Amino acid sequence: MPAFRPFSQHLDTPRLRMRPWQLSDSASVRGLWAERDPRARHVIDADGRPTVDDMRVRIQEQLDESTRTGLALLAIERKMEGDFIGYCGLIVGEATVAEPEIAYELYRFAHGHGYATEAARAVLDAARDTGRTRFWATVRAWNAPSFRVLEKIGFTPNDRVDADAARGDSVWMTAGGHPLAEGR
């Protein structure tokens, strides 16, 4: 695998400040899960799990993974208001360290303002600065807003669709240059 320059974990855009997750973000991240469409893979279950404490563990696991991979999910804060509105970043997910997957999620009140596109564009620019050239995304077929964000930042559908009758098919999208990994 090629060596990559470090992924910047602090990004600023005209309206947003992005930083690494902190354990203190656990209640905010759980709040995002509570708003999710019930067809999503990770939601709050009937027993109220994951709890804020469970989220703290998940965030620590994500921070540990970031140390290993050099990739990160970043908390998104609006500069003017100073509030947490979601996250955006790169993960291995269903992809690879060399060709990471972009992931993002915003509170519903932040939808429709271009924040997801602004954050995702900043993350991809930072990822390109590491030397990476190809990126992946998976999105449920019913998630039209995420398709719009991905298309705005240069993603196109791939030939791969993972069927899931219960939650909706997962459509693979890609952006960027030539594949580093075979079998994609």
C-alpha atoms as a PDB file:
ATOM      1  CA  MET A   1       0.000   0.000   0.000  1.00  0.00           C
ATOM      2  CA  PRO A   2       1.311   3.461  -0.834  1.00  0.00           C
ATOM      3  CA  ALA A   3       2.281   5.827   1.971  1.00  0.00           C
ATOM      4  CA  PHE A   4      -0.127   8.706   2.428  1.00  0.00           C
ATOM      5  CA  ARG A   5       0.424  12.102   3.991  1.00  0.00           C
ATOM      6  CA  PRO A   6      -1.588  12.682   7.189  1.00  0.00           C
ATOM      7  CA  PHE A   7      -5.290  13.470   6.856  1.00  0.00           C
ATOM      8  CA  SER A   8      -6.007  16.890   8.346  1.00  0.00           C
ATOM      9  CA  GLN A   9      -8.226  16.511  11.386  1.00  0.00           C
ATOM     10  CA  HIS A  10      -9.097  20.198  11.638  1.00  0.00           C
ATOM     11  CA  LEU A  11     -10.898  21.718   8.660  1.00  0.00           C
ATOM     12  CA  ASP A  12     -12.497  25.118   8.227  1.00  0.00           C
ATOM     13  CA  THR A  13     -14.918  26.184   5.521  1.00  0.00           C
ATOM     14  CA  PRO A  14     -16.636  29.553   5.209  1.00  0.00           C
ATOM     15  CA  ARG A  15     -19.456  28.433   7.536  1.00  0.00           C
ATOM     16  CA  LEU A  16     -18.190  25.321   9.276  1.00  0.00           C
ATOM     17  CA  ARG A  17     -15.471  24.186  11.657  1.00  0.00           C
ATOM     18  CA  MET A  18     -14.606  20.494  11.662  1.00  0.00           C
ATOM     19  CA  ARG A  19     -12.632  18.752  14.393  1.00  0.00           C
ATOM     20  CA  PRO A  20     -12.008  15.228  15.699  1.00  0.00           C
ATOM     21  CA  TRP A  21     -14.773  13.662  17.730  1.00  0.00           C
ATOM     22  CA  GLN A  22     -14.475  13.989  21.490  1.00  0.00           C
ATOM     23  CA  LEU A  23     -15.992  11.736  24.120  1.00  0.00           C
ATOM     24  CA  SER A  24     -18.118  14.709  25.145  1.00  0.00           C
ATOM     25  CA  ASP A  25     -19.871  14.461  21.734  1.00  0.00           C
ATOM     26  CA  SER A  26     -21.543  11.195  22.762  1.00  0.00           C
ATOM     27  CA  ALA A  27     -24.960  12.715  23.572  1.00  0.00           C
ATOM     28  CA  SER A  28     -24.963  14.668  20.316  1.00  0.00           C
ATOM     29  CA  VAL A  29     -24.053  11.604  18.252  1.00  0.00           C
ATOM     30  CA  ARG A  30     -26.769   9.598  20.007  1.00  0.00           C
ATOM     31  CA  GLY A  31     -29.186  12.399  19.117  1.00  0.00           C
ATOM     32  CA  LEU A  32     -28.350  11.871  15.451  1.00  0.00           C
ATOM     33  CA  TRP A  33     -29.155   8.171  15.814  1.00  0.00           C
ATOM     34  CA  ALA A  34     -32.490   9.030  17.447  1.00  0.00           C
ATOM     35  CA  GLU A  35     -33.466  11.056  14.354  1.00  0.00           C
ATOM     36  CA  ARG A  36     -32.550   8.366  11.826  1.00  0.00           C
ATOM     37  CA  ASP A  37     -34.996   6.857   9.421  1.00  0.00           C
ATOM     38  CA  PRO A  38     -36.120   3.524  10.912  1.00  0.00           C
ATOM     39  CA  ARG A  39     -34.843   1.779   7.766  1.00  0.00           C
ATOM     40  CA  ALA A  40     -31.269   2.814   8.621  1.00  0.00           C
ATOM     41  CA  ARG A  41     -28.819   0.174   9.820  1.00  0.00           C
ATOM     42  CA  HIS A  42     -27.998   1.783  13.154  1.00  0.00           C
ATOM     43  CA  VAL A  43     -30.913   3.223  15.103  1.00  0.00           C
ATOM     44  CA  ILE A  44     -31.982   3.494  18.728  1.00  0.00           C
ATOM     45  CA  ASP A  45     -33.662   0.190  19.575  1.00  0.00           C
ATOM     46  CA  ALA A  46     -36.777  -0.442  21.644  1.00  0.00           C
ATOM     47  CA  ASP A  47     -34.619  -0.763  24.790  1.00  0.00           C
ATOM     48  CA  GLY A  48     -33.093   2.693  24.242  1.00  0.00           C
ATOM     49  CA  ARG A  49     -29.748   1.359  23.059  1.00  0.00           C
ATOM     50  CA  PRO A  50     -27.276   2.551  22.277  1.00  0.00           C
ATOM     51  CA  THR A  51     -27.202   4.800  25.323  1.00  0.00           C
ATOM     52  CA  VAL A  52     -25.011   7.878  25.730  1.00  0.00           C
ATOM     53  CA  ASP A  53     -22.487   5.645  27.529  1.00  0.00           C
ATOM     54  CA  ASP A  54     -22.611   3.163  24.620  1.00  0.00           C
ATOM     55  CA  MET A  55     -21.927   6.068  22.270  1.00  0.00           C
ATOM     56  CA  ARG A  56     -18.948   7.117  24.352  1.00  0.00           C
ATOM     57  CA  VAL A  57     -17.519   3.614  23.817  1.00  0.00           C
ATOM     58  CA  ARG A  58     -18.236   3.816  20.055  1.00  0.00           C
ATOM     59  CA  ILE A  59     -16.535   7.200  19.819  1.00  0.00           C
ATOM     60  CA  GLN A  60     -13.465   5.854  21.636  1.00  0.00           C
ATOM     61  CA  GLU A  61     -13.392   2.897  19.232  1.00  0.00           C
ATOM     62  CA  GLN A  62     -13.604   5.321  16.305  1.00  0.00           C
ATOM     63  CA  LEU A  63     -10.774   7.431  17.745  1.00  0.00           C
ATOM     64  CA  ASP A  64      -8.662   4.285  18.183  1.00  0.00           C
ATOM     65  CA  GLU A  65      -9.397   3.282  14.579  1.00  0.00           C
ATOM     66  CA  SER A  66      -8.429   6.775  13.443  1.00  0.00           C
ATOM     67  CA  THR A  67      -5.051   6.333  15.116  1.00  0.00           C
ATOM     68  CA  ARG A  68      -4.546   3.035  13.264  1.00  0.00           C
ATOM     69  CA  THR A  69      -5.811   4.130   9.824  1.00  0.00           C
ATOM     70  CA  GLY A  70      -5.028   7.841   9.691  1.00  0.00           C
ATOM     71  CA  LEU A  71      -8.661   8.488   8.686  1.00  0.00           C
ATOM     72  CA  ALA A  72     -11.261  10.197  10.846  1.00  0.00           C
ATOM     73  CA  LEU A  73     -14.857  11.174  11.323  1.00  0.00           C
ATOM     74  CA  LEU A  74     -14.955  14.857  12.209  1.00  0.00           C
ATOM     75  CA  ALA A  75     -17.560  16.696  14.248  1.00  0.00           C
ATOM     76  CA  ILE A  76     -19.155  19.565  12.322  1.00  0.00           C
ATOM     77  CA  GLU A  77     -19.902  22.821  14.120  1.00  0.00           C
ATOM     78  CA  ARG A  78     -21.423  25.940  12.623  1.00  0.00           C
ATOM     79  CA  LYS A  79     -18.980  28.805  13.133  1.00  0.00           C
ATOM     80  CA  MET A  80     -21.518  31.524  13.868  1.00  0.00           C
ATOM     81  CA  GLU A  81     -23.657  29.471  16.252  1.00  0.00           C
ATOM     82  CA  GLY A  82     -20.909  27.234  17.642  1.00  0.00           C
ATOM     83  CA  ASP A  83     -23.253  24.242  17.729  1.00  0.00           C
ATOM     84  CA  PHE A  84     -22.681  20.604  16.803  1.00  0.00           C
ATOM     85  CA  ILE A  85     -24.724  19.786  13.698  1.00  0.00           C
ATOM     86  CA  GLY A  86     -23.312  16.409  12.677  1.00  0.00           C
ATOM     87  CA  TYR A  87     -20.225  14.703  11.376  1.00  0.00           C
ATOM     88  CA  CYS A  88     -18.370  14.044   8.148  1.00  0.00           C
ATOM     89  CA  GLY A  89     -15.189  12.185   7.420  1.00  0.00           C
ATOM     90  CA  LEU A  90     -13.450   9.165   6.038  1.00  0.00           C
ATOM     91  CA  ILE A  91     -13.671   5.604   7.290  1.00  0.00           C
ATOM     92  CA  VAL A  92     -12.524   2.233   6.056  1.00  0.00           C
ATOM     93  CA  GLY A  93     -16.127   1.006   6.309  1.00  0.00           C
ATOM     94  CA  GLU A  94     -16.794  -1.205   3.294  1.00  0.00           C
ATOM     95  CA  ALA A  95     -13.742   0.198   1.465  1.00  0.00           C
ATOM     96  CA  THR A  96      -9.996   0.376   2.230  1.00  0.00           C
ATOM     97  CA  VAL A  97      -7.472   2.734   3.825  1.00  0.00           C
ATOM     98  CA  ALA A  98      -6.149   3.548   0.352  1.00  0.00           C
ATOM     99  CA  GLU A  99      -9.641   4.119  -1.082  1.00  0.00           C
ATOM    100  CA  PRO A 100     -11.709   5.184   1.926  1.00  0.00           C
ATOM    101  CA  GLU A 101     -15.443   5.617   2.286  1.00  0.00           C
ATOM    102  CA  ILE A 102     -16.908   9.043   2.984  1.00  0.00           C
ATOM    103  CA  ALA A 103     -19.553   9.178   5.697  1.00  0.00           C
ATOM    104  CA  TYR A 104     -21.683  12.081   6.873  1.00  0.00           C
ATOM    105  CA  GLU A 105     -24.809  12.740   8.883  1.00  0.00           C
ATOM    106  CA  LEU A 106     -26.442  15.950  10.044  1.00  0.00           C
ATOM    107  CA  TYR A 107     -29.239  16.792  12.426  1.00  0.00           C
ATOM    108  CA  ARG A 108     -32.509  17.360  10.569  1.00  0.00           C
ATOM    109  CA  PHE A 109     -32.564  21.052  11.487  1.00  0.00           C
ATOM    110  CA  ALA A 110     -29.334  21.427   9.502  1.00  0.00           C
ATOM    111  CA  HIS A 111     -30.682  19.783   6.339  1.00  0.00           C
ATOM    112  CA  GLY A 112     -31.294  21.880   3.249  1.00  0.00           C
ATOM    113  CA  HIS A 113     -28.645  24.539   3.936  1.00  0.00           C
ATOM    114  CA  GLY A 114     -25.763  23.017   1.947  1.00  0.00           C
ATOM    115  CA  TYR A 115     -23.807  22.079   5.070  1.00  0.00           C
ATOM    116  CA  ALA A 116     -23.387  18.407   4.085  1.00  0.00           C
ATOM    117  CA  THR A 117     -22.050  19.361   0.660  1.00  0.00           C
ATOM    118  CA  GLU A 118     -19.716  21.978   2.155  1.00  0.00           C
ATOM    119  CA  ALA A 119     -18.363  19.537   4.747  1.00  0.00           C
ATOM    120  CA  ALA A 120     -18.027  16.631   2.311  1.00  0.00           C
ATOM    121  CA  ARG A 121     -16.192  18.781  -0.230  1.00  0.00           C
ATOM    122  CA  ALA A 122     -13.736  19.914   2.475  1.00  0.00           C
ATOM    123  CA  VAL A 123     -13.154  16.308   3.568  1.00  0.00           C
ATOM    124  CA  LEU A 124     -12.488  15.168  -0.005  1.00  0.00           C
ATOM    125  CA  ASP A 125     -10.100  18.077  -0.601  1.00  0.00           C
ATOM    126  CA  ALA A 126      -8.211  17.153   2.587  1.00  0.00           C
ATOM    127  CA  ALA A 127      -8.190  13.497   1.539  1.00  0.00           C
ATOM    128  CA  ARG A 128      -6.773  14.375  -1.876  1.00  0.00           C
ATOM    129  CA  ASP A 129      -4.032  16.328  -0.083  1.00  0.00           C
ATOM    130  CA  THR A 130      -2.961  12.999   1.479  1.00  0.00           C
ATOM    131  CA  GLY A 131      -2.306  11.538  -1.972  1.00  0.00           C
ATOM    132  CA  ARG A 132      -5.501   9.496  -2.177  1.00  0.00           C
ATOM    133  CA  THR A 133      -7.292   9.697  -5.510  1.00  0.00           C
ATOM    134  CA  ARG A 134     -10.313   7.401  -5.293  1.00  0.00           C
ATOM    135  CA  PHE A 135     -13.164   7.402  -2.792  1.00  0.00           C
ATOM    136  CA  TRP A 136     -16.251   5.339  -2.092  1.00  0.00           C
ATOM    137  CA  ALA A 137     -19.675   5.942  -0.634  1.00  0.00           C
ATOM    138  CA  THR A 138     -22.556   3.626   0.123  1.00  0.00           C
ATOM    139  CA  VAL A 139     -26.042   5.052   0.308  1.00  0.00           C
ATOM    140  CA  ARG A 140     -29.459   3.470   0.713  1.00  0.00           C
ATOM    141  CA  ALA A 141     -31.525   3.632  -2.478  1.00  0.00           C
ATOM    142  CA  TRP A 142     -34.261   5.589  -0.658  1.00  0.00           C
ATOM    143  CA  ASN A 143     -31.885   8.334   0.576  1.00  0.00           C
ATOM    144  CA  ALA A 144     -32.340  10.949  -2.170  1.00  0.00           C
ATOM    145  CA  PRO A 145     -30.707  13.824  -0.199  1.00  0.00           C
ATOM    146  CA  SER A 146     -27.469  11.839   0.213  1.00  0.00           C
ATOM    147  CA  PHE A 147     -27.439  11.030  -3.509  1.00  0.00           C
ATOM    148  CA  ARG A 148     -27.697  14.765  -4.256  1.00  0.00           C
ATOM    149  CA  VAL A 149     -24.788  15.597  -1.932  1.00  0.00           C
ATOM    150  CA  LEU A 150     -22.615  12.858  -3.420  1.00  0.00           C
ATOM    151  CA  GLU A 151     -23.403  13.902  -6.989  1.00  0.00           C
ATOM    152  CA  LYS A 152     -22.538  17.539  -6.198  1.00  0.00           C
ATOM    153  CA  ILE A 153     -19.072  16.496  -4.995  1.00  0.00           C
ATOM    154  CA  GLY A 154     -18.353  14.279  -7.994  1.00  0.00           C
ATOM    155  CA  PHE A 155     -19.542  10.796  -7.049  1.00  0.00           C
ATOM    156  CA  THR A 156     -21.192   8.555  -9.626  1.00  0.00           C
ATOM    157  CA  PRO A 157     -22.975   5.224  -9.178  1.00  0.00           C
ATOM    158  CA  ASN A 158     -20.822   2.126  -9.412  1.00  0.00           C
ATOM    159  CA  ASP A 159     -22.122  -1.163 -10.831  1.00  0.00           C
ATOM    160  CA  ARG A 160     -22.429  -2.616  -7.331  1.00  0.00           C
ATOM    161  CA  VAL A 161     -25.700  -2.684  -5.392  1.00  0.00           C
ATOM    162  CA  ASP A 162     -26.029  -4.732  -2.213  1.00  0.00           C
ATOM    163  CA  ALA A 163     -29.603  -5.988  -1.926  1.00  0.00           C
ATOM    164  CA  ASP A 164     -31.333  -5.520   1.422  1.00  0.00           C
ATOM    165  CA  ALA A 165     -35.104  -5.967   1.378  1.00  0.00           C
ATOM    166  CA  ALA A 166     -35.513  -4.878   5.005  1.00  0.00           C
ATOM    167  CA  ARG A 167     -33.493  -1.627   4.951  1.00  0.00           C
ATOM    168  CA  GLY A 168     -33.300  -0.814   1.262  1.00  0.00           C
ATOM    169  CA  ASP A 169     -30.616  -1.612  -1.255  1.00  0.00           C
ATOM    170  CA  SER A 170     -27.196  -0.108  -0.634  1.00  0.00           C
ATOM    171  CA  VAL A 171     -25.883   1.634  -3.746  1.00  0.00           C
ATOM    172  CA  TRP A 172     -22.111   1.980  -4.153  1.00  0.00           C
ATOM    173  CA  MET A 173     -20.778   5.222  -5.577  1.00  0.00           C
ATOM    174  CA  THR A 174     -17.246   6.256  -6.423  1.00  0.00           C
ATOM    175  CA  ALA A 175     -15.299   9.427  -7.103  1.00  0.00           C
ATOM    176  CA  GLY A 176     -11.802   9.954  -8.338  1.00  0.00           C
ATOM    177  CA  GLY A 177      -9.064   8.284 -10.230  1.00  0.00           C
ATOM    178  CA  HIS A 178      -7.858   4.840 -10.992  1.00  0.00           C
ATOM    179  CA  PRO A 179      -8.473   2.016  -8.545  1.00  0.00           C
ATOM    180  CA  LEU A 180      -5.661   1.100  -6.189  1.00  0.00           C
ATOM    181  CA  ALA A 181      -7.378  -2.095  -5.116  1.00  0.00           C
ATOM    182  CA  GLU A 182      -8.484  -4.929  -7.376  1.00  0.00           C
ATOM    183  CA  GLY A 183     -12.024  -6.247  -7.315  1.00  0.00           C
ATOM    184  CA  ARG A 184     -13.896  -2.980  -6.956  1.00  0.00           C
END
